[in-house]
């Protein structure tokens, strides 16, 4: 059993833009499943982790077992602000993301742009939804790191399933490779038949929506049809509604 020598390393990793801290089993499972370079796997109970992997991630069970290093309960409690109930915290390298190449990719899939998202858990939920809907990527603007451990936890580690990066607004919408569709309550009702499959779908915050600058640069504005009197949807719910409505419509066609 290891002592606490890795605690400082995990704490430094939270501020390292080349690394990702994976809190819990599902982030580790998805990171391995989608090709992450996992450097460290720490658990408070190796046998329990192996049993969990056998039930929920048999395809990566052997790799987890080969990397898992057991630490005491006291040490494990210091590895994360809120130690995960699944009893495992890991450290992995972040993949290099080329934002321009992501924008230029020819695959007919939309790219999600989150303008200045505020809640890291909600940001992570957007990544999880985008991965499930097979989107081209998730870009964010603003001060929050989309690879913050809270966001990675909210995404269940699905940052490794598609490109996720923080960009400057000009990098996300100024290249002209994709039409920019702003999700805005003042827009036209969403028409999936007219939606370019390679659109950049821009979502703002629940309170303020999209900025005037981004709205001015949009090629189109669309709104999600909702019951009268309901003012807004949660950000991740909005992303899910648009991506899966489009995906289901495309499947029907």
C-alpha atoms as a PDB file:
ATOM      1  CA  UNK A   1       0.000   0.000   0.000  1.00  0.00           C
ATOM      2  CA  UNK A   2       1.322   3.430  -0.991  1.00  0.00           C
ATOM      3  CA  UNK A   3       1.857   6.342   1.364  1.00  0.00           C
ATOM      4  CA  UNK A   4       0.760   9.889   0.614  1.00  0.00           C
ATOM      5  CA  UNK A   5       3.646  10.778  -1.700  1.00  0.00           C
ATOM      6  CA  UNK A   6       1.298  11.156  -4.689  1.00  0.00           C
ATOM      7  CA  UNK A   7      -0.985  13.678  -2.993  1.00  0.00           C
ATOM      8  CA  UNK A   8       1.115  16.735  -4.049  1.00  0.00           C
ATOM      9  CA  UNK A   9       1.298  15.396  -7.605  1.00  0.00           C
ATOM     10  CA  UNK A  10      -2.492  15.103  -7.847  1.00  0.00           C
ATOM     11  CA  UNK A  11      -2.911  18.605  -6.465  1.00  0.00           C
ATOM     12  CA  UNK A  12      -0.436  20.071  -8.958  1.00  0.00           C
ATOM     13  CA  UNK A  13      -2.138  18.210 -11.800  1.00  0.00           C
ATOM     14  CA  UNK A  14      -5.331  20.182 -11.188  1.00  0.00           C
ATOM     15  CA  UNK A  15      -3.506  23.278 -12.432  1.00  0.00           C
ATOM     16  CA  UNK A  16      -1.521  21.579 -15.200  1.00  0.00           C
ATOM     17  CA  UNK A  17      -2.985  22.224 -18.691  1.00  0.00           C
ATOM     18  CA  UNK A  18      -1.387  19.042 -20.008  1.00  0.00           C
ATOM     19  CA  UNK A  19      -3.046  16.713 -17.470  1.00  0.00           C
ATOM     20  CA  UNK A  20      -6.543  15.649 -16.436  1.00  0.00           C
ATOM     21  CA  UNK A  21      -7.629  14.406 -13.019  1.00  0.00           C
ATOM     22  CA  UNK A  22     -10.266  11.678 -13.328  1.00  0.00           C
ATOM     23  CA  UNK A  23     -12.447  11.360 -10.244  1.00  0.00           C
ATOM     24  CA  UNK A  24     -14.414   8.129 -10.144  1.00  0.00           C
ATOM     25  CA  UNK A  25     -14.789   4.916 -12.100  1.00  0.00           C
ATOM     26  CA  UNK A  26     -16.736   6.107 -15.130  1.00  0.00           C
ATOM     27  CA  UNK A  27     -14.239   8.851 -16.082  1.00  0.00           C
ATOM     28  CA  UNK A  28     -11.447   6.270 -15.899  1.00  0.00           C
ATOM     29  CA  UNK A  29     -13.457   3.726 -17.906  1.00  0.00           C
ATOM     30  CA  UNK A  30     -14.264   6.175 -20.696  1.00  0.00           C
ATOM     31  CA  UNK A  31     -10.766   7.626 -20.765  1.00  0.00           C
ATOM     32  CA  UNK A  32      -9.301   4.171 -21.350  1.00  0.00           C
ATOM     33  CA  UNK A  33     -12.044   3.199 -23.791  1.00  0.00           C
ATOM     34  CA  UNK A  34     -11.342   6.238 -25.952  1.00  0.00           C
ATOM     35  CA  UNK A  35      -7.571   5.997 -25.982  1.00  0.00           C
ATOM     36  CA  UNK A  36      -6.328   8.159 -23.114  1.00  0.00           C
ATOM     37  CA  UNK A  37      -2.797   7.844 -21.829  1.00  0.00           C
ATOM     38  CA  UNK A  38      -3.548   7.120 -18.158  1.00  0.00           C
ATOM     39  CA  UNK A  39      -0.512   7.552 -15.939  1.00  0.00           C
ATOM     40  CA  UNK A  40      -1.755   6.747 -12.436  1.00  0.00           C
ATOM     41  CA  UNK A  41      -4.735   4.884 -10.977  1.00  0.00           C
ATOM     42  CA  UNK A  42      -5.173   5.147  -7.202  1.00  0.00           C
ATOM     43  CA  UNK A  43      -7.824   3.232  -5.271  1.00  0.00           C
ATOM     44  CA  UNK A  44      -8.724   2.613  -1.663  1.00  0.00           C
ATOM     45  CA  UNK A  45      -9.777  -0.985  -2.433  1.00  0.00           C
ATOM     46  CA  UNK A  46      -8.237  -2.777  -5.411  1.00  0.00           C
ATOM     47  CA  UNK A  47     -10.475  -5.832  -5.072  1.00  0.00           C
ATOM     48  CA  UNK A  48     -13.643  -3.727  -5.014  1.00  0.00           C
ATOM     49  CA  UNK A  49     -12.427  -1.743  -8.025  1.00  0.00           C
ATOM     50  CA  UNK A  50     -11.776  -4.935  -9.963  1.00  0.00           C
ATOM     51  CA  UNK A  51     -15.275  -6.203  -9.152  1.00  0.00           C
ATOM     52  CA  UNK A  52     -16.789  -2.906 -10.277  1.00  0.00           C
ATOM     53  CA  UNK A  53     -14.801  -2.974 -13.514  1.00  0.00           C
ATOM     54  CA  UNK A  54     -16.004  -6.495 -14.185  1.00  0.00           C
ATOM     55  CA  UNK A  55     -19.621  -5.335 -13.933  1.00  0.00           C
ATOM     56  CA  UNK A  56     -19.444  -1.944 -15.609  1.00  0.00           C
ATOM     57  CA  UNK A  57     -16.381  -2.007 -17.845  1.00  0.00           C
ATOM     58  CA  UNK A  58     -15.255  -5.508 -18.674  1.00  0.00           C
ATOM     59  CA  UNK A  59     -13.510  -4.281 -21.820  1.00  0.00           C
ATOM     60  CA  UNK A  60     -11.040  -2.260 -19.719  1.00  0.00           C
ATOM     61  CA  UNK A  61     -10.970  -4.429 -16.579  1.00  0.00           C
ATOM     62  CA  UNK A  62      -7.545  -5.970 -17.193  1.00  0.00           C
ATOM     63  CA  UNK A  63      -5.933  -2.605 -17.912  1.00  0.00           C
ATOM     64  CA  UNK A  64      -7.412  -1.088 -14.765  1.00  0.00           C
ATOM     65  CA  UNK A  65      -6.234  -4.036 -12.667  1.00  0.00           C
ATOM     66  CA  UNK A  66      -2.708  -3.757 -14.052  1.00  0.00           C
ATOM     67  CA  UNK A  67      -2.462  -0.034 -13.192  1.00  0.00           C
ATOM     68  CA  UNK A  68      -4.379   0.167  -9.902  1.00  0.00           C
ATOM     69  CA  UNK A  69      -2.312   1.086  -6.843  1.00  0.00           C
ATOM     70  CA  UNK A  70      -3.905   0.853  -3.441  1.00  0.00           C
ATOM     71  CA  UNK A  71      -3.731   3.678  -0.889  1.00  0.00           C
ATOM     72  CA  UNK A  72      -5.081   3.995   2.628  1.00  0.00           C
ATOM     73  CA  UNK A  73      -8.480   5.540   3.319  1.00  0.00           C
ATOM     74  CA  UNK A  74      -6.706   8.497   4.916  1.00  0.00           C
ATOM     75  CA  UNK A  75      -4.627   9.159   1.804  1.00  0.00           C
ATOM     76  CA  UNK A  76      -7.559   8.596  -0.562  1.00  0.00           C
ATOM     77  CA  UNK A  77      -9.621  11.195   1.287  1.00  0.00           C
ATOM     78  CA  UNK A  78      -7.007  13.805   0.337  1.00  0.00           C
ATOM     79  CA  UNK A  79      -6.869  13.034  -3.385  1.00  0.00           C
ATOM     80  CA  UNK A  80      -9.972  15.054  -4.299  1.00  0.00           C
ATOM     81  CA  UNK A  81     -12.125  17.750  -2.658  1.00  0.00           C
ATOM     82  CA  UNK A  82     -15.037  15.303  -2.792  1.00  0.00           C
ATOM     83  CA  UNK A  83     -13.607  11.757  -2.886  1.00  0.00           C
ATOM     84  CA  UNK A  84     -15.652   9.661  -5.347  1.00  0.00           C
ATOM     85  CA  UNK A  85     -17.846   6.930  -3.915  1.00  0.00           C
ATOM     86  CA  UNK A  86     -16.430   4.451  -6.439  1.00  0.00           C
ATOM     87  CA  UNK A  87     -13.089   4.667  -4.664  1.00  0.00           C
ATOM     88  CA  UNK A  88     -10.756   5.534  -7.539  1.00  0.00           C
ATOM     89  CA  UNK A  89      -8.922   8.682  -8.664  1.00  0.00           C
ATOM     90  CA  UNK A  90      -6.696   8.678 -11.751  1.00  0.00           C
ATOM     91  CA  UNK A  91      -4.347  10.936 -13.649  1.00  0.00           C
ATOM     92  CA  UNK A  92      -4.175  11.060 -17.446  1.00  0.00           C
ATOM     93  CA  UNK A  93      -2.641  13.177 -20.162  1.00  0.00           C
ATOM     94  CA  UNK A  94      -4.894  15.542 -22.060  1.00  0.00           C
ATOM     95  CA  UNK A  95      -4.977  14.896 -25.799  1.00  0.00           C
ATOM     96  CA  UNK A  96      -3.672  17.671 -28.076  1.00  0.00           C
ATOM     97  CA  UNK A  97      -6.566  19.517 -29.733  1.00  0.00           C
ATOM     98  CA  UNK A  98      -6.200  21.411 -33.014  1.00  0.00           C
ATOM     99  CA  UNK A  99      -9.204  23.748 -33.072  1.00  0.00           C
ATOM    100  CA  UNK A 100      -8.712  24.731 -36.705  1.00  0.00           C
ATOM    101  CA  UNK A 101      -8.494  21.131 -37.825  1.00  0.00           C
ATOM    102  CA  UNK A 102     -11.624  20.312 -35.853  1.00  0.00           C
ATOM    103  CA  UNK A 103     -13.511  23.133 -37.573  1.00  0.00           C
ATOM    104  CA  UNK A 104     -12.261  22.056 -40.990  1.00  0.00           C
ATOM    105  CA  UNK A 105     -13.139  18.370 -40.589  1.00  0.00           C
ATOM    106  CA  UNK A 106     -15.470  17.244 -43.363  1.00  0.00           C
ATOM    107  CA  UNK A 107     -17.573  14.806 -41.318  1.00  0.00           C
ATOM    108  CA  UNK A 108     -21.224  15.973 -41.334  1.00  0.00           C
ATOM    109  CA  UNK A 109     -21.621  16.496 -37.606  1.00  0.00           C
ATOM    110  CA  UNK A 110     -22.374  19.710 -35.686  1.00  0.00           C
ATOM    111  CA  UNK A 111     -19.920  21.354 -33.329  1.00  0.00           C
ATOM    112  CA  UNK A 112     -21.140  22.743 -29.997  1.00  0.00           C
ATOM    113  CA  UNK A 113     -19.932  26.174 -28.885  1.00  0.00           C
ATOM    114  CA  UNK A 114     -20.612  27.135 -25.256  1.00  0.00           C
ATOM    115  CA  UNK A 115     -20.142  30.861 -24.744  1.00  0.00           C
ATOM    116  CA  UNK A 116     -18.701  31.607 -21.320  1.00  0.00           C
ATOM    117  CA  UNK A 117     -20.304  28.686 -19.431  1.00  0.00           C
ATOM    118  CA  UNK A 118     -20.410  29.272 -15.667  1.00  0.00           C
ATOM    119  CA  UNK A 119     -21.155  25.901 -14.044  1.00  0.00           C
ATOM    120  CA  UNK A 120     -18.442  23.277 -14.481  1.00  0.00           C
ATOM    121  CA  UNK A 121     -20.706  20.327 -13.777  1.00  0.00           C
ATOM    122  CA  UNK A 122     -23.184  21.574 -16.367  1.00  0.00           C
ATOM    123  CA  UNK A 123     -20.349  22.123 -18.822  1.00  0.00           C
ATOM    124  CA  UNK A 124     -19.312  18.511 -18.303  1.00  0.00           C
ATOM    125  CA  UNK A 125     -22.891  17.352 -18.859  1.00  0.00           C
ATOM    126  CA  UNK A 126     -22.827  19.157 -22.227  1.00  0.00           C
ATOM    127  CA  UNK A 127     -19.691  17.250 -23.193  1.00  0.00           C
ATOM    128  CA  UNK A 128     -21.348  13.986 -22.173  1.00  0.00           C
ATOM    129  CA  UNK A 129     -24.408  14.732 -24.295  1.00  0.00           C
ATOM    130  CA  UNK A 130     -22.293  15.824 -27.268  1.00  0.00           C
ATOM    131  CA  UNK A 131     -20.257  12.628 -27.101  1.00  0.00           C
ATOM    132  CA  UNK A 132     -23.411  10.507 -26.967  1.00  0.00           C
ATOM    133  CA  UNK A 133     -24.863  12.364 -29.961  1.00  0.00           C
ATOM    134  CA  UNK A 134     -21.574  11.952 -31.888  1.00  0.00           C
ATOM    135  CA  UNK A 135     -20.976  15.687 -32.286  1.00  0.00           C
ATOM    136  CA  UNK A 136     -17.801  16.979 -33.934  1.00  0.00           C
ATOM    137  CA  UNK A 137     -16.558  18.580 -30.731  1.00  0.00           C
ATOM    138  CA  UNK A 138     -17.243  21.009 -27.899  1.00  0.00           C
ATOM    139  CA  UNK A 139     -15.583  24.415 -27.786  1.00  0.00           C
ATOM    140  CA  UNK A 140     -15.925  26.840 -24.889  1.00  0.00           C
ATOM    141  CA  UNK A 141     -15.042  30.490 -24.411  1.00  0.00           C
ATOM    142  CA  UNK A 142     -14.506  32.373 -21.177  1.00  0.00           C
ATOM    143  CA  UNK A 143     -12.343  31.826 -18.129  1.00  0.00           C
ATOM    144  CA  UNK A 144     -13.309  28.287 -17.114  1.00  0.00           C
ATOM    145  CA  UNK A 145     -11.140  25.374 -18.180  1.00  0.00           C
ATOM    146  CA  UNK A 146     -13.406  22.761 -19.821  1.00  0.00           C
ATOM    147  CA  UNK A 147     -10.937  20.107 -18.591  1.00  0.00           C
ATOM    148  CA  UNK A 148     -11.297  21.111 -14.946  1.00  0.00           C
ATOM    149  CA  UNK A 149     -11.785  17.966 -12.799  1.00  0.00           C
ATOM    150  CA  UNK A 150     -15.370  19.003 -12.002  1.00  0.00           C
ATOM    151  CA  UNK A 151     -16.174  19.226 -15.711  1.00  0.00           C
ATOM    152  CA  UNK A 152     -14.462  15.923 -16.477  1.00  0.00           C
ATOM    153  CA  UNK A 153     -16.424  14.333 -13.647  1.00  0.00           C
ATOM    154  CA  UNK A 154     -19.687  15.788 -14.994  1.00  0.00           C
ATOM    155  CA  UNK A 155     -18.850  14.351 -18.411  1.00  0.00           C
ATOM    156  CA  UNK A 156     -17.958  10.913 -16.990  1.00  0.00           C
ATOM    157  CA  UNK A 157     -14.603  11.237 -18.745  1.00  0.00           C
ATOM    158  CA  UNK A 158     -16.112  11.563 -22.236  1.00  0.00           C
ATOM    159  CA  UNK A 159     -13.777  14.451 -22.994  1.00  0.00           C
ATOM    160  CA  UNK A 160     -11.670  11.717 -24.578  1.00  0.00           C
ATOM    161  CA  UNK A 161     -14.457  10.749 -27.000  1.00  0.00           C
ATOM    162  CA  UNK A 162     -14.393  14.019 -28.989  1.00  0.00           C
ATOM    163  CA  UNK A 163     -12.338  17.232 -29.196  1.00  0.00           C
ATOM    164  CA  UNK A 164     -12.942  19.523 -26.201  1.00  0.00           C
ATOM    165  CA  UNK A 165     -11.097  22.823 -26.003  1.00  0.00           C
ATOM    166  CA  UNK A 166     -11.288  26.370 -24.728  1.00  0.00           C
ATOM    167  CA  UNK A 167     -10.890  28.817 -27.613  1.00  0.00           C
ATOM    168  CA  UNK A 168     -11.041  32.491 -28.381  1.00  0.00           C
ATOM    169  CA  UNK A 169     -14.359  33.449 -30.002  1.00  0.00           C
ATOM    170  CA  UNK A 170     -12.622  34.411 -33.237  1.00  0.00           C
ATOM    171  CA  UNK A 171     -11.056  30.954 -33.475  1.00  0.00           C
ATOM    172  CA  UNK A 172     -14.431  29.279 -33.081  1.00  0.00           C
ATOM    173  CA  UNK A 173     -16.516  31.364 -35.462  1.00  0.00           C
ATOM    174  CA  UNK A 174     -14.147  33.444 -37.572  1.00  0.00           C
ATOM    175  CA  UNK A 175     -12.700  30.829 -39.891  1.00  0.00           C
ATOM    176  CA  UNK A 176     -15.843  30.428 -41.978  1.00  0.00           C
ATOM    177  CA  UNK A 177     -15.622  26.667 -42.396  1.00  0.00           C
ATOM    178  CA  UNK A 178     -19.047  26.134 -40.800  1.00  0.00           C
ATOM    179  CA  UNK A 179     -22.252  28.163 -40.557  1.00  0.00           C
ATOM    180  CA  UNK A 180     -22.895  29.636 -37.126  1.00  0.00           C
ATOM    181  CA  UNK A 181     -26.353  28.953 -35.674  1.00  0.00           C
ATOM    182  CA  UNK A 182     -27.164  30.883 -32.504  1.00  0.00           C
ATOM    183  CA  UNK A 183     -29.661  29.272 -30.125  1.00  0.00           C
ATOM    184  CA  UNK A 184     -31.661  32.306 -29.065  1.00  0.00           C
ATOM    185  CA  UNK A 185     -35.217  32.802 -27.704  1.00  0.00           C
ATOM    186  CA  UNK A 186     -35.711  35.553 -30.306  1.00  0.00           C
ATOM    187  CA  UNK A 187     -34.848  33.304 -33.224  1.00  0.00           C
ATOM    188  CA  UNK A 188     -37.021  31.277 -35.559  1.00  0.00           C
ATOM    189  CA  UNK A 189     -38.433  27.963 -34.357  1.00  0.00           C
ATOM    190  CA  UNK A 190     -35.790  25.309 -34.908  1.00  0.00           C
ATOM    191  CA  UNK A 191     -36.140  23.768 -38.379  1.00  0.00           C
ATOM    192  CA  UNK A 192     -34.044  20.625 -38.508  1.00  0.00           C
ATOM    193  CA  UNK A 193     -34.586  20.227 -42.253  1.00  0.00           C
ATOM    194  CA  UNK A 194     -32.713  23.485 -42.840  1.00  0.00           C
ATOM    195  CA  UNK A 195     -29.946  22.893 -40.335  1.00  0.00           C
ATOM    196  CA  UNK A 196     -26.579  22.362 -41.996  1.00  0.00           C
ATOM    197  CA  UNK A 197     -25.162  19.137 -40.503  1.00  0.00           C
ATOM    198  CA  UNK A 198     -21.786  20.879 -40.029  1.00  0.00           C
ATOM    199  CA  UNK A 199     -23.182  23.893 -38.177  1.00  0.00           C
ATOM    200  CA  UNK A 200     -21.556  25.423 -35.155  1.00  0.00           C
ATOM    201  CA  UNK A 201     -24.391  25.454 -32.609  1.00  0.00           C
ATOM    202  CA  UNK A 202     -23.820  28.291 -30.136  1.00  0.00           C
ATOM    203  CA  UNK A 203     -25.381  28.226 -26.665  1.00  0.00           C
ATOM    204  CA  UNK A 204     -25.226  30.994 -24.075  1.00  0.00           C
ATOM    205  CA  UNK A 205     -25.855  31.065 -20.353  1.00  0.00           C
ATOM    206  CA  UNK A 206     -29.304  30.503 -18.868  1.00  0.00           C
ATOM    207  CA  UNK A 207     -29.410  33.984 -17.381  1.00  0.00           C
ATOM    208  CA  UNK A 208     -27.870  36.148 -20.107  1.00  0.00           C
ATOM    209  CA  UNK A 209     -28.020  34.070 -23.273  1.00  0.00           C
ATOM    210  CA  UNK A 210     -25.520  34.744 -26.048  1.00  0.00           C
ATOM    211  CA  UNK A 211     -23.557  37.975 -26.296  1.00  0.00           C
ATOM    212  CA  UNK A 212     -24.602  40.682 -28.743  1.00  0.00           C
ATOM    213  CA  UNK A 213     -21.307  40.250 -30.582  1.00  0.00           C
ATOM    214  CA  UNK A 214     -21.846  36.565 -31.222  1.00  0.00           C
ATOM    215  CA  UNK A 215     -25.493  37.070 -32.187  1.00  0.00           C
ATOM    216  CA  UNK A 216     -24.429  39.709 -34.706  1.00  0.00           C
ATOM    217  CA  UNK A 217     -22.039  37.257 -36.365  1.00  0.00           C
ATOM    218  CA  UNK A 218     -24.516  34.373 -36.530  1.00  0.00           C
ATOM    219  CA  UNK A 219     -25.690  33.126 -39.908  1.00  0.00           C
ATOM    220  CA  UNK A 220     -29.014  32.148 -38.360  1.00  0.00           C
ATOM    221  CA  UNK A 221     -30.865  32.289 -35.050  1.00  0.00           C
ATOM    222  CA  UNK A 222     -32.989  29.397 -33.869  1.00  0.00           C
ATOM    223  CA  UNK A 223     -35.119  28.819 -30.798  1.00  0.00           C
ATOM    224  CA  UNK A 224     -36.205  25.633 -29.079  1.00  0.00           C
ATOM    225  CA  UNK A 225     -40.025  25.405 -29.010  1.00  0.00           C
ATOM    226  CA  UNK A 226     -41.208  25.370 -25.406  1.00  0.00           C
ATOM    227  CA  UNK A 227     -44.420  25.633 -23.462  1.00  0.00           C
ATOM    228  CA  UNK A 228     -45.570  29.194 -22.860  1.00  0.00           C
ATOM    229  CA  UNK A 229     -44.487  30.493 -19.481  1.00  0.00           C
ATOM    230  CA  UNK A 230     -41.318  28.381 -19.285  1.00  0.00           C
ATOM    231  CA  UNK A 231     -38.484  30.884 -19.482  1.00  0.00           C
ATOM    232  CA  UNK A 232     -35.464  28.714 -20.194  1.00  0.00           C
ATOM    233  CA  UNK A 233     -33.880  25.289 -20.161  1.00  0.00           C
ATOM    234  CA  UNK A 234     -30.812  24.093 -18.340  1.00  0.00           C
ATOM    235  CA  UNK A 235     -27.779  24.465 -20.627  1.00  0.00           C
ATOM    236  CA  UNK A 236     -27.077  20.745 -20.926  1.00  0.00           C
ATOM    237  CA  UNK A 237     -30.776  20.082 -21.527  1.00  0.00           C
ATOM    238  CA  UNK A 238     -30.782  22.626 -24.364  1.00  0.00           C
ATOM    239  CA  UNK A 239     -27.734  21.012 -25.945  1.00  0.00           C
ATOM    240  CA  UNK A 240     -29.318  17.582 -25.607  1.00  0.00           C
ATOM    241  CA  UNK A 241     -32.635  18.736 -27.089  1.00  0.00           C
ATOM    242  CA  UNK A 242     -31.005  20.168 -30.201  1.00  0.00           C
ATOM    243  CA  UNK A 243     -28.426  17.446 -30.804  1.00  0.00           C
ATOM    244  CA  UNK A 244     -30.785  14.525 -30.313  1.00  0.00           C
ATOM    245  CA  UNK A 245     -33.660  16.106 -32.195  1.00  0.00           C
ATOM    246  CA  UNK A 246     -31.288  16.522 -35.127  1.00  0.00           C
ATOM    247  CA  UNK A 247     -29.882  13.010 -34.702  1.00  0.00           C
ATOM    248  CA  UNK A 248     -33.327  11.416 -34.554  1.00  0.00           C
ATOM    249  CA  UNK A 249     -34.505  13.422 -37.562  1.00  0.00           C
ATOM    250  CA  UNK A 250     -31.436  12.408 -39.547  1.00  0.00           C
ATOM    251  CA  UNK A 251     -32.022   8.778 -38.619  1.00  0.00           C
ATOM    252  CA  UNK A 252     -35.616   9.003 -39.784  1.00  0.00           C
ATOM    253  CA  UNK A 253     -34.513  10.426 -43.120  1.00  0.00           C
END
